[in-house]
Amino acid sequence: MNRLSRVARTMVAVGGLALLTACAARVAPPLPATLAYPEFVYPGVPGALWSDAAAAGIDEGWRFLQAGDLAAAGRVFGSVGGAGFYPALAGQGWVALARGDYPAAEGAFDAALDSDPAYVPALVGLGQTQLAQGRDVEAVAAFDRAVAADPALGDLRRRADLLRVRVLQEVIETGRQARTAGRLDEARAAYLRALEASPATGFLYRELGAVEHARGALDAAFGRYRRRWRWTRPTSRRRSVWPRCSRASATTPRRSRPTLEHRRWARHRNWRRASRLACCAAWTRCYRRSSR
């Protein structure tokens, strides 16, 4: 009887040990047909870091992540490749983003980008993390860097363009309201934010130049108008803005020599004459205003 009891206890112990071993060595599920996070980008292993073990580990962590098992995914990504293996860092960033832990996600993506500034999965993850925190301007910049690194990301480019339009509309409206209310510093900050999102949008330099002019920073306004004309073709309205602050910091109302931009635009006789008259009148007004 005692012998049977010992055999039974041995079998129970062996079965429990086998169960614990099976739990510890849990096999990742196959990639599901419906991904839990379809907007996430797979953190592939670059050729310089390639190894069968590293690639298998990244693939296993990704399957856990897309199956919704964040604990297992974080454990696998944390054990792949050792310290500084940036595809695993990007995987940890995706896990943190899925949990809603934005500081941890941003830290993981930044650490991956420290090793490779053009690593697309980390750039996309950083942009999505910033977007989730309401930092739209920074998100657009991150998405633009990702598209520059991989031009094949057409969907991401379209998403960045739509986001850029939304950011510009919100920021420009904020800047105009602040300018109308006389809050010139707030308006200037808003337009600078808009330029970070879209530095090639010419009319933003005109708006910012008008704010600088209202603040009395005539040299800064002159520089903004110059940048404006780099991105857009001249029109009659833009030509009338140039003399408003061009060389306005000078202490003499005399007519200055036409600038290179004036010479480029002065191709028609009527415009040449109008340009001279406008320059004289505008510079005289600027001089009188600054001498009060």
Protein backbone atom coordinates (compact mmCIF):
# COMPACT_ATOMS: atom_id res chain seq x y z
CA MET A 1 0.00 0.00 0.00
CA ASN A 2 2.81 2.36 0.91
CA ARG A 3 4.53 1.45 -2.30
CA LEU A 4 1.45 2.40 -4.32
CA SER A 5 1.20 5.68 -2.46
CA ARG A 6 4.81 6.51 -3.29
CA VAL A 7 4.22 5.72 -6.96
CA ALA A 8 1.11 7.89 -7.02
CA ARG A 9 2.94 10.80 -5.40
CA THR A 10 5.77 10.43 -7.90
CA MET A 11 3.38 10.51 -10.83
CA VAL A 12 1.65 13.61 -9.47
CA ALA A 13 5.00 15.38 -9.02
CA VAL A 14 6.13 14.47 -12.53
CA GLY A 15 2.83 15.66 -13.99
CA GLY A 16 3.04 18.96 -12.13
CA LEU A 17 6.61 19.51 -13.28
CA ALA A 18 5.61 18.81 -16.87
CA LEU A 19 2.73 21.28 -16.56
CA LEU A 20 5.01 23.99 -15.18
CA THR A 21 7.54 23.36 -17.95
CA ALA A 22 4.83 23.62 -20.59
CA CYS A 23 3.60 26.90 -19.11
CA ALA A 24 7.12 28.32 -18.96
CA ALA A 25 7.86 27.36 -22.58
CA ARG A 26 4.64 28.72 -24.01
CA VAL A 27 4.55 28.64 -27.77
CA ALA A 28 3.47 31.80 -29.60
CA PRO A 29 0.16 31.47 -31.44
CA PRO A 30 0.03 31.80 -35.23
CA LEU A 31 -0.54 35.26 -36.58
CA PRO A 32 -4.30 35.87 -36.37
CA ALA A 33 -6.37 36.68 -39.44
CA THR A 34 -7.59 39.86 -37.73
CA LEU A 35 -4.67 41.71 -36.17
CA ALA A 36 -5.18 43.29 -32.77
CA TYR A 37 -3.11 46.33 -33.82
CA PRO A 38 -3.15 46.59 -37.63
CA GLU A 39 -1.69 50.12 -37.61
CA PHE A 40 1.53 48.94 -35.95
CA VAL A 41 4.61 48.41 -38.15
CA TYR A 42 6.54 45.16 -37.89
CA PRO A 43 9.99 45.79 -36.32
CA GLY A 44 12.05 43.91 -38.85
CA VAL A 45 15.69 43.01 -38.23
CA PRO A 46 18.10 44.90 -40.55
CA GLY A 47 20.66 42.91 -42.47
CA ALA A 48 23.57 44.16 -40.36
CA LEU A 49 21.95 42.70 -37.22
CA TRP A 50 20.44 39.61 -38.79
CA SER A 51 20.58 36.26 -37.05
CA ASP A 52 18.14 33.39 -37.06
CA ALA A 53 17.63 33.60 -33.31
CA ALA A 54 16.98 37.35 -33.34
CA ALA A 55 14.56 37.12 -36.27
CA ALA A 56 12.71 34.22 -34.62
CA GLY A 57 12.45 36.16 -31.35
CA ILE A 58 11.07 39.27 -33.05
CA ASP A 59 8.56 37.17 -34.96
CA GLU A 60 7.45 35.40 -31.78
CA GLY A 61 6.99 38.66 -29.88
CA TRP A 62 5.06 40.14 -32.81
CA ARG A 63 2.65 37.21 -32.89
CA PHE A 64 2.01 37.53 -29.18
CA LEU A 65 1.41 41.26 -29.63
CA GLN A 66 -1.03 40.88 -32.50
CA ALA A 67 -2.86 38.15 -30.60
CA GLY A 68 -3.41 40.62 -27.75
CA ASP A 69 -1.10 38.94 -25.22
CA LEU A 70 0.85 42.04 -24.18
CA ALA A 71 2.55 40.42 -21.18
CA ALA A 72 4.04 37.61 -23.27
CA ALA A 73 5.00 40.04 -26.06
CA GLY A 74 6.81 42.33 -23.64
CA ARG A 75 8.64 39.39 -22.09
CA VAL A 76 9.79 38.06 -25.46
CA PHE A 77 10.88 41.45 -26.84
CA GLY A 78 12.79 42.10 -23.61
CA SER A 79 14.80 38.90 -24.02
CA VAL A 80 15.70 39.21 -27.73
CA GLY A 81 19.08 40.33 -28.95
CA GLY A 82 20.48 41.73 -25.73
CA ALA A 83 20.95 45.37 -24.75
CA GLY A 84 20.92 47.88 -27.59
CA PHE A 85 19.16 45.60 -30.08
CA TYR A 86 16.91 48.30 -31.49
CA PRO A 87 14.30 46.13 -33.29
CA ALA A 88 13.48 44.66 -29.87
CA LEU A 89 13.37 48.18 -28.41
CA ALA A 90 10.87 49.14 -31.08
CA GLY A 91 8.84 46.04 -30.19
CA GLN A 92 8.84 47.10 -26.54
CA GLY A 93 7.67 50.53 -27.67
CA TRP A 94 4.73 48.98 -29.51
CA VAL A 95 3.81 46.96 -26.43
CA ALA A 96 3.92 50.08 -24.25
CA LEU A 97 1.83 52.01 -26.78
CA ALA A 98 -0.76 49.23 -26.80
CA ARG A 99 -0.93 49.48 -23.01
CA GLY A 100 -1.36 53.25 -23.17
CA ASP A 101 1.95 53.86 -21.40
CA TYR A 102 3.02 56.76 -23.63
CA PRO A 103 6.16 57.87 -21.76
CA ALA A 104 7.55 54.32 -21.83
CA ALA A 105 6.64 53.94 -25.51
CA GLU A 106 8.29 57.23 -26.46
CA GLY A 107 11.39 56.32 -24.48
CA ALA A 108 11.68 52.94 -26.22
CA PHE A 109 11.24 54.44 -29.70
CA ASP A 110 13.75 57.21 -28.93
CA ALA A 111 16.25 54.60 -27.75
CA ALA A 112 15.80 52.67 -31.00
CA LEU A 113 16.26 55.86 -33.05
CA ASP A 114 19.46 56.65 -31.15
CA SER A 115 20.91 53.51 -32.75
CA ASP A 116 19.38 54.08 -36.19
CA PRO A 117 17.75 57.50 -36.85
CA ALA A 118 16.15 56.20 -40.05
CA TYR A 119 14.57 53.06 -38.57
CA VAL A 120 11.05 53.27 -39.98
CA PRO A 121 9.13 51.17 -37.39
CA ALA A 122 10.48 53.36 -34.58
CA LEU A 123 9.70 56.57 -36.49
CA VAL A 124 6.13 55.48 -37.14
CA GLY A 125 5.75 54.37 -33.53
CA LEU A 126 7.10 57.67 -32.25
CA GLY A 127 4.66 59.57 -34.46
CA GLN A 128 1.71 57.50 -33.29
CA THR A 129 2.74 57.96 -29.66
CA GLN A 130 2.96 61.73 -30.09
CA LEU A 131 -0.34 61.76 -31.95
CA ALA A 132 -2.02 59.88 -29.09
CA GLN A 133 -0.79 62.59 -26.70
CA GLY A 134 -2.18 65.41 -28.85
CA ARG A 135 1.25 66.53 -30.11
CA ASP A 136 0.18 66.72 -33.73
CA VAL A 137 3.00 68.92 -35.01
CA GLU A 138 5.68 66.56 -33.68
CA ALA A 139 3.75 63.58 -35.05
CA VAL A 140 3.72 65.10 -38.54
CA ALA A 141 7.48 65.62 -38.35
CA ALA A 142 8.03 61.98 -37.32
CA PHE A 143 5.78 60.70 -40.11
CA ASP A 144 7.61 62.87 -42.64
CA ARG A 145 10.93 61.37 -41.52
CA ALA A 146 9.50 57.88 -41.93
CA VAL A 147 8.24 58.64 -45.44
CA ALA A 148 11.60 60.17 -46.35
CA ALA A 149 13.33 56.96 -45.18
CA ASP A 150 10.86 54.70 -47.03
CA PRO A 151 9.00 56.43 -49.91
CA ALA A 152 6.90 53.29 -50.40
CA LEU A 153 4.77 54.23 -47.38
CA GLY A 154 2.02 55.80 -49.45
CA ASP A 155 -0.70 55.34 -46.84
CA LEU A 156 1.43 57.00 -44.20
CA ARG A 157 2.19 59.90 -46.55
CA ARG A 158 -1.51 60.48 -47.14
CA ARG A 159 -2.18 60.27 -43.42
CA ALA A 160 0.57 62.79 -42.71
CA ASP A 161 -0.81 65.16 -45.37
CA LEU A 162 -4.31 65.02 -43.90
CA LEU A 163 -2.93 65.54 -40.42
CA ARG A 164 -0.85 68.47 -41.66
CA VAL A 165 -3.93 70.15 -43.12
CA ARG A 166 -5.81 69.71 -39.86
CA VAL A 167 -2.91 71.07 -37.83
CA LEU A 168 -2.55 74.08 -40.13
CA GLN A 169 -6.24 74.92 -39.94
CA GLU A 170 -6.28 74.79 -36.15
CA VAL A 171 -3.02 76.65 -35.61
CA ILE A 172 -3.71 79.34 -38.21
CA GLU A 173 -7.13 80.03 -36.74
CA THR A 174 -5.55 80.29 -33.28
CA GLY A 175 -2.90 82.65 -34.61
CA ARG A 176 -5.38 84.91 -36.36
CA GLN A 177 -7.62 85.15 -33.32
CA ALA A 178 -4.64 86.01 -31.15
CA ARG A 179 -3.44 88.63 -33.62
CA THR A 180 -6.90 90.21 -33.79
CA ALA A 181 -7.04 90.33 -29.98
CA GLY A 182 -3.60 91.96 -29.82
CA ARG A 183 -1.84 88.94 -28.31
CA LEU A 184 1.07 89.16 -30.72
CA ASP A 185 3.44 86.83 -28.86
CA GLU A 186 0.78 84.11 -28.81
CA ALA A 187 0.09 84.65 -32.51
CA ARG A 188 3.80 84.43 -33.31
CA ALA A 189 4.13 81.15 -31.38
CA ALA A 190 1.12 79.71 -33.23
CA TYR A 191 2.52 80.54 -36.66
CA LEU A 192 5.91 79.12 -35.72
CA ARG A 193 4.18 75.86 -34.76
CA ALA A 194 2.43 75.84 -38.13
CA LEU A 195 5.75 76.33 -39.92
CA GLU A 196 7.20 73.35 -38.08
CA ALA A 197 4.43 71.21 -39.53
CA SER A 198 4.62 72.71 -43.04
CA PRO A 199 7.77 74.76 -43.70
CA ALA A 200 7.01 75.08 -47.43
CA THR A 201 3.67 76.86 -46.98
CA GLY A 202 4.39 80.34 -48.25
CA PHE A 203 1.45 82.30 -46.89
CA LEU A 204 2.47 81.38 -43.32
CA TYR A 205 5.59 83.51 -43.75
CA ARG A 206 3.38 86.40 -44.83
CA GLU A 207 1.16 86.00 -41.77
CA LEU A 208 4.17 85.70 -39.49
CA GLY A 209 5.79 88.70 -41.16
CA ALA A 210 2.69 90.76 -40.46
CA VAL A 211 2.84 89.73 -36.80
CA GLU A 212 6.54 90.62 -36.60
CA HIS A 213 5.78 93.98 -38.21
CA ALA A 214 3.04 94.66 -35.66
CA ARG A 215 5.47 93.77 -32.86
CA GLY A 216 7.94 96.32 -34.20
CA ALA A 217 10.51 93.70 -35.23
CA LEU A 218 10.98 95.12 -38.72
CA ASP A 219 14.15 93.21 -39.56
CA ALA A 220 12.49 89.93 -38.58
CA ALA A 221 9.41 90.85 -40.63
CA PHE A 222 11.62 91.61 -43.62
CA GLY A 223 13.21 88.16 -43.29
CA ARG A 224 9.81 86.47 -43.10
CA TYR A 225 8.65 88.21 -46.28
CA ARG A 226 11.80 87.10 -48.06
CA ARG A 227 11.09 83.49 -47.09
CA ARG A 228 7.51 83.97 -48.30
CA TRP A 229 8.67 84.85 -51.79
CA ARG A 230 11.00 81.85 -51.96
CA TRP A 231 7.99 79.49 -51.95
CA THR A 232 5.43 81.42 -53.99
CA ARG A 233 5.19 83.40 -57.21
CA PRO A 234 4.78 87.15 -56.86
CA THR A 235 1.39 88.78 -57.20
CA SER A 236 0.33 92.38 -56.95
CA ARG A 237 -0.66 91.89 -53.30
CA ARG A 238 2.71 90.37 -52.40
CA ARG A 239 4.57 93.14 -54.23
CA SER A 240 2.78 95.71 -52.12
CA VAL A 241 3.87 93.99 -48.90
CA TRP A 242 7.58 93.97 -49.63
CA PRO A 243 8.29 97.71 -49.30
CA ARG A 244 6.28 97.86 -46.10
CA CYS A 245 9.23 96.84 -43.98
CA SER A 246 12.12 96.51 -46.42
CA ARG A 247 15.02 98.38 -44.91
CA ALA A 248 12.58 100.05 -42.54
CA SER A 249 15.15 100.16 -39.77
CA ALA A 250 17.15 102.75 -41.75
CA THR A 251 16.95 106.33 -40.52
CA THR A 252 16.54 107.94 -43.91
CA PRO A 253 13.41 108.14 -46.07
CA ARG A 254 15.35 108.22 -49.32
CA ARG A 255 14.59 105.65 -51.96
CA SER A 256 16.88 102.67 -51.62
CA ARG A 257 18.29 100.65 -54.46
CA PRO A 258 15.95 97.96 -55.77
CA THR A 259 16.71 94.56 -54.33
CA LEU A 260 17.44 91.46 -56.36
CA GLU A 261 13.86 90.27 -55.92
CA HIS A 262 12.56 93.59 -57.21
CA ARG A 263 14.79 93.34 -60.26
CA ARG A 264 13.55 89.83 -60.96
CA TRP A 265 9.95 90.90 -60.80
CA ALA A 266 10.34 94.24 -62.58
CA ARG A 267 9.86 92.82 -66.07
CA HIS A 268 7.00 95.02 -67.14
CA ARG A 269 7.17 98.80 -67.55
CA ASN A 270 4.05 99.45 -65.50
CA TRP A 271 5.33 97.35 -62.62
CA ARG A 272 8.70 99.11 -62.66
CA ARG A 273 7.07 102.49 -62.28
CA ALA A 274 4.56 101.28 -59.68
CA SER A 275 7.33 99.56 -57.75
CA ARG A 276 9.39 102.75 -57.49
CA LEU A 277 6.41 104.80 -56.32
CA ALA A 278 5.32 102.16 -53.81
CA CYS A 279 8.83 101.83 -52.40
CA CYS A 280 9.16 105.56 -51.89
CA ALA A 281 5.76 105.90 -50.23
CA ALA A 282 6.08 102.81 -48.02
CA TRP A 283 9.61 103.55 -46.81
CA THR A 284 8.60 107.11 -46.02
CA ARG A 285 5.68 105.84 -43.91
CA CYS A 286 7.96 103.39 -42.09
CA TYR A 287 10.46 106.15 -41.37
CA ARG A 288 7.80 108.49 -40.00
CA ARG A 289 6.33 105.74 -37.85
CA SER A 290 9.71 104.72 -36.40
CA SER A 291 10.72 108.31 -35.66
CA ARG A 292 7.69 109.09 -33.50
